[in-house]
Protein backbone atom coordinates (compact mmCIF):
# COMPACT_ATOMS: atom_id res chain seq x y z
CA MET A 1 -113.78 207.00 284.72
CA THR A 2 -112.43 203.66 283.66
CA SER A 3 -113.16 200.15 284.77
CA THR A 4 -110.53 198.64 286.95
CA THR A 5 -108.76 195.37 286.42
CA ALA A 6 -110.11 192.13 287.85
CA ALA A 7 -107.55 192.25 290.63
CA ARG A 8 -108.98 195.53 291.89
CA THR A 9 -112.71 194.95 291.60
CA SER A 10 -113.37 192.98 294.75
CA GLY A 11 -113.80 194.36 298.25
CA GLU A 12 -112.43 197.87 298.47
CA TRP A 13 -112.31 198.88 294.80
CA LEU A 14 -115.49 199.66 292.88
CA ALA A 15 -115.82 197.75 289.63
CA SER A 16 -116.97 200.85 287.75
CA TRP A 17 -118.11 204.29 288.73
CA ASP A 18 -119.77 207.08 286.77
CA PRO A 19 -121.46 209.71 288.94
CA GLU A 20 -122.67 211.54 285.82
CA ASN A 21 -124.97 208.58 285.07
CA GLU A 22 -127.95 209.18 287.35
CA ALA A 23 -129.34 205.68 286.72
CA THR A 24 -126.29 203.88 288.12
CA TRP A 25 -124.82 206.45 290.53
CA ASP A 26 -124.87 205.19 294.12
CA LYS A 27 -125.94 208.37 295.89
CA ALA A 28 -125.92 206.76 299.34
CA LEU A 29 -122.32 205.62 298.96
CA ALA A 30 -121.26 209.09 297.79
CA TRP A 31 -122.82 210.84 300.79
CA ARG A 32 -121.51 208.22 303.24
CA THR A 33 -118.04 208.81 301.83
CA LEU A 34 -118.49 212.56 302.18
CA TRP A 35 -119.52 212.44 305.83
CA ILE A 36 -116.79 210.01 306.92
CA THR A 37 -114.04 211.87 305.09
CA THR A 38 -115.40 215.18 306.39
CA PHE A 39 -115.21 213.95 309.98
CA THR A 40 -111.65 212.73 309.52
CA LEU A 41 -110.70 215.91 307.65
CA THR A 42 -111.98 217.93 310.62
CA MET A 43 -109.62 215.92 312.83
CA CYS A 44 -106.84 216.67 310.33
CA PHE A 45 -107.40 220.39 310.76
CA VAL A 46 -107.49 219.96 314.53
CA ALA A 47 -104.05 218.34 314.40
CA TRP A 48 -102.73 220.91 311.94
CA PHE A 49 -103.75 223.91 314.06
CA LEU A 50 -103.17 222.41 317.50
CA PRO A 51 -99.78 224.22 317.68
CA SER A 52 -101.55 227.54 317.00
CA ALA A 53 -103.60 226.98 320.18
CA ILE A 54 -100.58 225.97 322.27
CA VAL A 55 -97.68 228.08 321.00
CA PRO A 56 -99.00 231.48 322.27
CA LYS A 57 -99.04 230.06 325.83
CA LEU A 58 -95.69 228.22 325.82
CA ASN A 59 -93.83 231.00 327.64
CA ALA A 60 -96.65 231.29 330.18
CA LEU A 61 -96.10 227.57 330.87
CA GLY A 62 -92.42 228.12 331.61
CA TYR A 63 -90.65 228.14 328.24
CA THR A 64 -88.47 231.14 327.33
CA PHE A 65 -88.77 231.41 323.56
CA THR A 66 -88.35 234.73 321.72
CA LYS A 67 -91.14 236.29 319.65
CA SER A 68 -89.33 235.18 316.51
CA GLU A 69 -89.10 231.57 317.74
CA LEU A 70 -92.79 231.55 318.61
CA TYR A 71 -93.70 232.86 315.14
CA TRP A 72 -91.59 230.08 313.65
CA LEU A 73 -93.28 227.38 315.75
CA ALA A 74 -96.67 228.64 314.59
CA SER A 75 -95.40 228.81 310.98
CA ILE A 76 -93.76 225.41 310.59
CA PRO A 77 -97.04 223.43 310.31
CA GLY A 78 -97.84 225.54 307.25
CA LEU A 79 -94.47 224.78 305.70
CA SER A 80 -94.82 221.04 306.23
CA ALA A 81 -98.49 221.05 305.12
CA GLY A 82 -97.56 222.67 301.83
CA LEU A 83 -94.76 220.17 301.22
CA LEU A 84 -96.86 217.18 302.27
CA ARG A 85 -99.83 218.25 300.16
CA ILE A 86 -97.63 217.78 297.10
CA VAL A 87 -97.26 214.16 298.25
CA TRP A 88 -100.91 213.63 299.20
CA MET A 89 -102.22 215.09 295.91
CA VAL A 90 -100.97 212.03 293.98
CA LEU A 91 -102.15 209.41 296.49
CA PRO A 92 -105.90 209.04 295.67
CA PRO A 93 -105.42 207.09 292.41
CA ILE A 94 -102.59 205.05 293.94
CA LEU A 95 -103.85 204.16 297.43
CA GLY A 96 -107.57 204.73 296.99
CA THR A 97 -109.86 206.55 299.38
CA ARG A 98 -110.09 203.82 302.00
CA LYS A 99 -106.39 203.26 302.68
CA MET A 100 -105.41 206.90 302.28
CA VAL A 101 -108.01 208.20 304.78
CA THR A 102 -107.41 205.41 307.30
CA PHE A 103 -103.62 205.59 307.38
CA THR A 104 -103.55 209.40 307.36
CA THR A 105 -105.91 209.57 310.33
CA LEU A 106 -103.74 207.16 312.30
CA LEU A 107 -100.58 209.15 311.50
CA LEU A 108 -102.05 212.20 313.23
CA ILE A 109 -101.76 210.47 316.60
CA ALA A 110 -97.98 210.99 316.63
CA PRO A 111 -97.86 214.82 316.70
CA ILE A 112 -100.92 215.13 318.94
CA LEU A 113 -99.44 212.72 321.46
CA GLY A 114 -96.12 214.55 321.30
CA TRP A 115 -97.61 217.96 322.03
CA GLY A 116 -99.62 216.51 324.91
CA VAL A 117 -96.43 215.16 326.49
CA ARG A 118 -94.20 218.19 325.92
CA VAL A 119 -96.50 220.89 327.31
CA GLN A 120 -96.37 219.23 330.73
CA ARG A 121 -92.75 220.20 331.42
CA PRO A 122 -91.02 223.28 329.88
CA THR A 123 -87.83 221.38 329.13
CA ALA A 124 -88.12 220.51 325.42
CA PRO A 125 -85.53 222.22 323.19
CA PHE A 126 -86.75 224.37 320.32
CA TRP A 127 -85.79 221.79 317.69
CA GLU A 128 -87.97 219.11 319.30
CA LEU A 129 -91.06 221.32 319.30
CA ALA A 130 -90.20 222.32 315.72
CA VAL A 131 -90.31 218.61 314.75
CA LEU A 132 -93.69 218.23 316.43
CA ALA A 133 -94.90 221.33 314.60
CA PHE A 134 -93.70 219.83 311.31
CA LEU A 135 -95.51 216.55 311.98
CA ALA A 136 -98.70 218.49 312.75
CA GLY A 137 -98.57 219.52 309.10
CA ILE A 138 -99.64 215.98 308.16
CA GLY A 139 -103.15 217.18 308.99
CA GLY A 140 -102.81 220.00 306.48
CA GLY A 141 -101.20 217.77 303.86
CA ALA A 142 -104.17 215.40 303.96
CA PHE A 143 -106.44 218.04 302.43
CA SER A 144 -104.89 217.57 298.99
CA GLY A 145 -105.71 213.88 299.09
CA PHE A 146 -109.11 213.96 300.76
CA MET A 147 -110.69 216.63 298.54
CA PRO A 148 -109.80 215.17 295.11
CA SER A 149 -110.74 211.72 296.37
CA THR A 150 -114.18 212.91 297.44
CA SER A 151 -114.70 214.74 294.14
CA TYR A 152 -114.60 211.38 292.33
CA PHE A 153 -117.85 210.36 294.04
CA PHE A 154 -120.07 213.29 292.94
CA PRO A 155 -121.36 214.62 289.60
CA ARG A 156 -120.08 218.01 288.50
CA ARG A 157 -123.40 219.73 289.18
CA MET A 158 -123.03 218.86 292.91
CA GLN A 159 -119.31 219.28 293.41
CA GLY A 160 -119.54 222.88 294.61
CA THR A 161 -121.86 221.82 297.40
CA ALA A 162 -120.08 218.53 298.22
CA LEU A 163 -116.56 219.98 298.27
CA GLY A 164 -117.79 223.11 300.04
CA LEU A 165 -119.37 221.04 302.79
CA GLN A 166 -116.28 218.87 303.22
CA ALA A 167 -113.78 221.70 303.16
CA GLY A 168 -115.94 224.09 305.15
CA ILE A 169 -116.83 221.65 307.92
CA GLY A 170 -113.23 220.43 307.88
CA ASN A 171 -112.09 224.04 308.33
CA PHE A 172 -114.21 224.16 311.48
CA GLY A 173 -111.50 221.97 313.00
CA VAL A 174 -109.40 225.15 313.29
CA SER A 175 -112.03 226.91 315.38
CA LEU A 176 -112.80 223.73 317.27
CA VAL A 177 -109.29 223.31 318.63
CA GLN A 178 -108.89 227.02 319.37
CA LEU A 179 -112.33 227.32 321.00
CA LEU A 180 -112.16 224.19 323.14
CA THR A 181 -108.55 224.50 324.27
CA PRO A 182 -109.20 227.21 326.92
CA TRP A 183 -112.03 225.08 328.34
CA LEU A 184 -110.27 221.71 328.17
CA ILE A 185 -107.19 222.91 330.03
CA GLY A 186 -109.25 224.06 333.00
CA PHE A 187 -109.70 220.69 334.69
CA GLY A 188 -108.06 217.30 335.05
CA LEU A 189 -109.48 214.48 332.96
CA VAL A 190 -107.88 211.24 334.09
CA GLY A 191 -104.99 211.09 336.54
CA PHE A 192 -102.70 208.98 334.39
CA LEU A 193 -102.81 211.65 331.64
CA GLY A 194 -100.43 213.78 333.67
CA ALA A 195 -100.11 216.40 336.39
CA SER A 196 -101.21 220.02 336.15
CA GLN A 197 -99.04 223.01 335.26
CA GLN A 198 -98.91 226.59 336.54
CA MET A 199 -99.65 229.15 333.80
CA LYS A 200 -98.26 232.61 334.55
CA VAL A 201 -99.59 235.62 332.61
CA THR A 202 -98.26 239.16 333.15
CA GLY A 203 -100.44 241.13 335.54
CA LYS A 204 -102.57 238.16 336.57
CA PRO A 205 -102.25 235.48 339.27
CA SER A 206 -100.94 232.06 338.28
CA THR A 207 -103.54 229.59 337.04
CA GLU A 208 -103.53 225.81 337.41
CA VAL A 209 -104.05 224.21 333.99
CA TRP A 210 -103.88 220.80 332.33
CA TYR A 211 -102.63 221.74 328.87
CA GLN A 212 -102.15 218.11 327.85
CA ASN A 213 -105.96 217.82 327.69
CA ALA A 214 -105.91 220.05 324.60
CA ALA A 215 -104.04 217.28 322.78
CA PHE A 216 -105.05 213.97 324.36
CA ILE A 217 -108.82 214.55 323.99
CA TRP A 218 -108.58 214.10 320.21
CA ILE A 219 -106.87 210.70 320.16
CA PRO A 220 -110.06 208.61 320.77
CA LEU A 221 -111.80 210.55 317.96
CA LEU A 222 -108.92 209.79 315.61
CA LEU A 223 -109.23 206.09 316.37
CA ILE A 224 -112.99 206.20 315.78
CA GLY A 225 -112.51 208.03 312.47
CA ALA A 226 -109.89 205.55 311.29
CA GLY A 227 -112.18 202.65 312.22
CA PHE A 228 -115.10 204.06 310.22
CA ALA A 229 -112.83 204.78 307.26
CA TRP A 230 -111.44 201.25 307.16
CA THR A 231 -114.79 199.49 307.49
CA LEU A 232 -117.13 201.70 305.45
CA LEU A 233 -115.20 203.45 302.69
CA LYS A 234 -114.67 202.28 299.12
CA SER A 235 -112.22 203.44 296.46
CA VAL A 236 -112.88 204.71 292.94
CA PRO A 237 -110.55 203.29 290.28
CA VAL A 238 -108.90 206.21 288.51
CA LYS A 239 -106.22 205.34 286.00
CA ALA A 240 -103.53 207.93 286.54
CA ASN A 241 -99.94 207.34 287.57
CA ILE A 242 -97.73 210.12 288.90
CA ARG A 243 -96.39 211.07 285.45
CA GLN A 244 -99.89 211.25 283.99
CA GLN A 245 -101.06 213.45 286.86
CA LEU A 246 -98.34 216.00 286.17
CA ASP A 247 -99.90 217.04 282.86
CA ILE A 248 -101.96 219.62 284.78
CA PHE A 249 -98.90 221.88 284.73
CA LYS A 250 -99.21 222.28 280.95
CA ASN A 251 -102.54 224.03 281.42
CA GLN A 252 -102.29 227.77 282.15
CA ASP A 253 -105.46 227.68 284.25
CA THR A 254 -103.62 225.54 286.81
CA TRP A 255 -101.33 228.47 287.49
CA TRP A 256 -104.06 231.13 287.48
CA MET A 257 -106.19 229.14 289.93
CA THR A 258 -103.14 228.57 292.13
CA LEU A 259 -102.62 232.31 292.47
CA ILE A 260 -106.30 232.85 293.27
CA TYR A 261 -106.44 230.06 295.86
CA ILE A 262 -103.37 231.50 297.57
CA MET A 263 -105.40 234.70 297.93
CA THR A 264 -108.32 232.85 299.54
CA PHE A 265 -107.13 229.77 301.43
CA GLY A 266 -103.60 231.11 301.91
CA THR A 267 -105.16 234.06 303.72
CA PHE A 268 -107.53 231.85 305.73
CA SER A 269 -104.85 229.40 306.88
CA GLY A 270 -102.15 232.02 307.38
CA LEU A 271 -104.27 234.29 309.55
CA SER A 272 -105.75 231.32 311.43
CA ALA A 273 -102.26 230.30 312.51
CA GLN A 274 -100.99 233.79 313.36
CA PHE A 275 -104.14 235.54 314.66
CA GLY A 276 -103.41 234.87 318.33
CA LEU A 277 -99.75 235.87 318.22
CA LEU A 278 -100.49 238.96 316.13
CA MET A 279 -103.19 240.10 318.57
CA SER A 280 -100.95 239.46 321.54
CA ASN A 281 -98.00 241.33 320.05
CA LEU A 282 -100.10 244.31 318.95
CA TYR A 283 -102.61 244.71 321.76
CA GLY A 284 -101.85 242.16 324.45
CA ALA A 285 -99.25 241.02 326.91
CA GLY A 286 -96.76 240.61 324.06
CA ASN A 287 -96.54 244.40 323.71
CA ALA A 288 -94.25 245.54 326.53
CA GLU A 289 -94.90 249.23 325.83
CA ILE A 290 -98.61 248.83 326.55
CA VAL A 291 -98.36 246.43 329.47
CA SER A 292 -95.59 248.09 331.43
CA GLY A 293 -94.43 251.29 329.75
CA THR A 294 -92.87 254.22 331.58
CA GLY A 295 -94.20 257.34 333.18
CA ALA A 296 -97.68 258.64 333.93
CA ALA A 297 -99.06 257.96 330.43
CA ALA A 298 -98.30 254.28 330.77
CA GLN A 299 -100.13 254.17 334.09
CA VAL A 300 -103.22 255.66 332.42
CA LEU A 301 -103.11 252.99 329.73
CA VAL A 302 -102.78 250.19 332.25
CA ALA A 303 -105.60 251.56 334.34
CA GLY A 304 -108.03 252.28 331.50
CA TYR A 305 -107.27 249.59 328.92
CA THR A 306 -108.24 245.95 329.30
CA VAL A 307 -105.63 243.74 327.69
CA PRO A 308 -107.48 241.19 325.49
CA ASP A 309 -106.88 237.48 326.00
CA PRO A 310 -106.25 236.08 322.49
CA VAL A 311 -107.81 232.71 323.35
CA LYS A 312 -111.18 234.44 323.67
CA TYR A 313 -111.02 235.72 320.09
CA VAL A 314 -108.81 233.59 317.86
CA PHE A 315 -111.45 230.93 317.16
CA LEU A 316 -113.83 233.55 315.72
CA GLY A 317 -111.83 234.15 312.54
CA PRO A 318 -111.62 230.51 311.43
CA LEU A 319 -115.26 230.07 312.48
CA VAL A 320 -116.39 232.90 310.21
CA GLY A 321 -114.22 231.68 307.32
CA ALA A 322 -115.35 228.06 307.59
CA GLY A 323 -119.00 229.08 307.97
CA ALA A 324 -118.79 231.25 304.85
CA ARG A 325 -117.35 228.34 302.89
CA VAL A 326 -120.24 226.08 303.89
CA LEU A 327 -123.02 228.64 303.40
CA PHE A 328 -121.83 230.01 300.06
CA SER A 329 -121.01 226.65 298.42
CA PRO A 330 -124.66 225.97 297.33
CA LEU A 331 -124.77 229.50 295.87
CA THR A 332 -121.73 228.74 293.73
CA ASP A 333 -123.53 225.71 292.29
CA ARG A 334 -126.47 227.94 291.34
CA MET A 335 -124.64 231.04 290.16
CA GLY A 336 -121.19 229.79 289.18
CA GLY A 337 -117.94 230.14 291.07
CA ALA A 338 -116.29 232.97 289.11
CA LYS A 339 -118.81 235.61 290.24
CA TRP A 340 -118.20 234.79 293.89
CA SER A 341 -114.41 234.67 293.39
CA LEU A 342 -114.73 238.23 292.08
CA VAL A 343 -116.74 239.23 295.17
CA SER A 344 -114.12 237.56 297.35
CA GLY A 345 -111.25 239.48 295.75
CA LEU A 346 -112.98 242.86 295.98
CA GLY A 347 -114.00 242.17 299.59
CA LEU A 348 -110.46 241.18 300.57
CA ILE A 349 -109.02 244.37 299.07
CA ALA A 350 -111.42 246.52 301.10
CA SER A 351 -111.19 244.56 304.36
CA ILE A 352 -107.39 244.34 304.35
CA ALA A 353 -107.19 248.10 303.75
CA PHE A 354 -109.54 248.70 306.69
CA THR A 355 -107.58 246.37 308.98
CA ILE A 356 -104.34 248.23 308.28
CA THR A 357 -105.76 251.14 310.28
CA GLY A 358 -105.64 248.93 313.38
CA LEU A 359 -102.15 247.50 312.94
CA VAL A 360 -100.33 250.38 314.65
CA PRO A 361 -101.67 250.75 318.22
CA ASP A 362 -102.34 254.35 319.25
CA THR A 363 -101.01 254.55 322.82
CA SER A 364 -102.02 258.18 323.37
CA SER A 365 -105.01 257.12 325.47
CA ALA A 366 -106.85 254.03 326.62
CA ALA A 367 -109.82 254.97 324.41
CA ALA A 368 -107.61 255.28 321.32
CA LEU A 369 -105.98 251.97 322.12
CA GLN A 370 -109.35 250.25 322.53
CA GLY A 371 -110.61 251.78 319.29
CA GLY A 372 -107.58 250.46 317.42
CA PHE A 373 -108.14 246.99 318.83
CA ASN A 374 -111.79 247.07 317.74
CA ARG A 375 -110.82 248.04 314.19
CA PHE A 376 -108.20 245.30 314.10
CA LEU A 377 -110.62 242.63 315.36
CA TRP A 378 -113.54 243.53 313.07
CA GLY A 379 -111.25 243.96 310.10
CA MET A 380 -109.76 240.53 310.65
CA LEU A 381 -113.21 238.92 310.87
CA VAL A 382 -114.30 240.51 307.59
CA ILE A 383 -111.08 239.29 305.95
CA PHE A 384 -111.95 235.77 307.12
CA LEU A 385 -115.47 236.17 305.71
CA PHE A 386 -114.33 237.04 302.18
CA ALA A 387 -111.54 234.45 302.27
CA GLY A 388 -114.16 231.81 303.13
CA ILE A 389 -116.39 232.90 300.23
CA GLY A 390 -113.40 232.59 297.90
CA ASN A 391 -112.53 229.16 299.26
CA ALA A 392 -116.01 227.98 298.28
CA SER A 393 -116.05 229.61 294.84
CA THR A 394 -112.62 228.42 293.70
CA PHE A 395 -113.51 224.80 294.45
CA LYS A 396 -116.60 225.21 292.27
CA GLN A 397 -114.54 226.70 289.48
CA MET A 398 -111.91 223.97 289.24
CA PRO A 399 -114.22 221.03 288.41
CA MET A 400 -115.87 223.24 285.77
CA ILE A 401 -112.61 224.37 284.16
CA PHE A 402 -110.82 221.00 284.07
CA GLU A 403 -111.90 217.51 283.04
CA ARG A 404 -112.51 215.13 285.94
CA ARG A 405 -109.08 213.46 286.21
CA GLN A 406 -107.25 216.78 285.95
CA ALA A 407 -109.65 218.57 288.29
CA GLY A 408 -108.65 216.28 291.14
CA GLY A 409 -104.97 216.99 290.55
CA VAL A 410 -105.51 220.73 290.26
CA ILE A 411 -107.52 220.79 293.50
CA GLY A 412 -104.67 218.94 295.21
CA TRP A 413 -101.96 221.17 293.72
CA THR A 414 -103.61 224.51 294.44
CA ALA A 415 -104.41 223.36 297.97
CA ALA A 416 -100.78 222.32 298.43
CA ILE A 417 -99.39 225.72 297.51
CA ALA A 418 -102.01 227.67 299.48
CA ALA A 419 -101.20 225.55 302.55
CA PHE A 420 -97.93 227.43 302.80
CA GLY A 421 -100.06 230.32 304.11
CA PRO A 422 -99.21 229.85 307.82
CA PHE A 423 -95.51 229.59 306.97
CA LEU A 424 -95.46 232.61 304.65
CA PHE A 425 -97.49 234.72 307.06
CA GLY A 426 -95.22 233.78 309.95
CA VAL A 427 -92.04 234.54 308.01
CA GLY A 428 -93.53 237.75 306.63
CA LEU A 429 -94.54 239.02 310.06
CA THR A 430 -91.06 238.15 311.35
CA LEU A 431 -89.20 239.99 308.57
CA MET A 432 -91.38 243.10 308.20
CA SER A 433 -93.99 245.16 309.99
CA PRO A 434 -97.62 244.00 309.93
CA THR A 435 -98.53 247.13 307.94
CA ALA A 436 -96.03 246.36 305.18
CA PHE A 437 -97.11 242.72 305.08
CA TYR A 438 -100.79 243.62 304.79
CA ALA A 439 -99.99 246.11 302.02
CA ILE A 440 -98.48 243.21 300.06
CA GLY A 441 -101.74 241.35 300.72
CA ILE A 442 -103.72 244.15 299.07
CA ALA A 443 -101.45 244.08 296.01
CA TRP A 444 -101.88 240.30 295.72
CA ALA A 445 -105.67 240.57 296.01
CA VAL A 446 -105.77 243.26 293.30
CA MET A 447 -103.74 241.04 290.97
CA CYS A 448 -105.98 238.01 291.57
CA THR A 449 -109.19 240.01 291.18
CA VAL A 450 -108.02 241.22 287.77
CA ILE A 451 -107.23 237.61 286.76
CA VAL A 452 -110.69 236.42 287.87
CA TRP A 453 -112.40 239.15 285.86
CA LEU A 454 -110.38 238.77 282.66
CA ARG A 455 -110.15 234.97 282.58
CA TYR A 456 -113.32 233.69 284.24
CA ALA A 457 -115.99 236.24 285.21
CA ARG A 458 -116.41 238.88 282.47
CA PRO A 459 -118.88 238.47 279.61
CA GLY A 460 -117.16 236.42 276.92
CA ALA A 461 -114.43 235.22 279.30
CA PRO A 462 -112.20 232.42 277.89
CA LYS A 463 -113.11 230.03 280.73
CA PRO A 464 -116.46 230.98 282.27
CA SER A 465 -116.88 229.02 285.47
């Protein structure tokens, strides 16, 4: 760390900051920064994955989008998050923690407000909802600014725990929006927030819902988070302009860790965005063969098979992944990150292979169909578990592999590329069968596991971490 100039020492900017010096490190300030930025990061993930909670029900609310269009709407926030993370990764040294967190939190109001308005009447054209989906990606882009910024406040020995807590609790925002949405839409909040809608699901009576609640409820929390950020946060002076930050790309470990983080967070974010649609299209009302079908066999399936409601399950995957990231982060500080990245890779190979057995529904009987759904669901949850472990371990590795200024940039960069997960998963599931796409996932996990072993985890590895 370097001292800042006189013009930047008063008020917001700290005059000097060295968390490695226990005698002068302000522990209270570091933890206050962590909790405020973690709260706002949770709201960022809520905004980022709000479309994933709304898109599967758009047609039930009166829209007439195709499966492909719905996959695209669920994918676009991942595309924009990846692009915007490249912007946010260079902001911490330029704007500082205080301004970056405050302004980002306020920006999230735009897409959340837009979704709350447009679900009330099924008249918005596809392009307008695509724009709202793109703006939701601001919440994903923020990750690459919030995480490096927070890393400046903690010594290396604590960064696995600190970054694991922030990222893991922030990831809970995915489950939070998916878990609360079915409950929030069930009643009117305040009259001026809008009238109810009729939600029509195949084979069930129409239901009166208030889908705008799923969006509007978060706006007061965004304002509270922005207020805390502006009044209580400080900024660490880090001397690094954009050109200086780009020197991370000369280091080969930047590229290896990018591939590995795509395996972990790319999987977590991609499946979080597509879980509901994938379940619906394989085992739910999105599969016309199962729901209607023809002939006596179809009648048996309808009579003996209970079509799952995705909203009852989709929050479980992100919940497991985020919980694993929080719980395993202290273990990475004690044991090192590389060992757990190796565990993550091996676990993902096995769990993806198991889940493939549930990607082709067996419609020969209701029992076979239910068994396939159970394998699909449990396989997906185990995938989320090992992805969460890897998310924790990689963020322990990076501060150990790189010096402090570069570590922040690498965290931002790897997070930016992995944020394309929802987009890549959506496009992949549109262009090919789920089985083929998951087979590619196994190949990627094998490649990354080999990299972890050779570069970071084996005895005598070049970069033990």
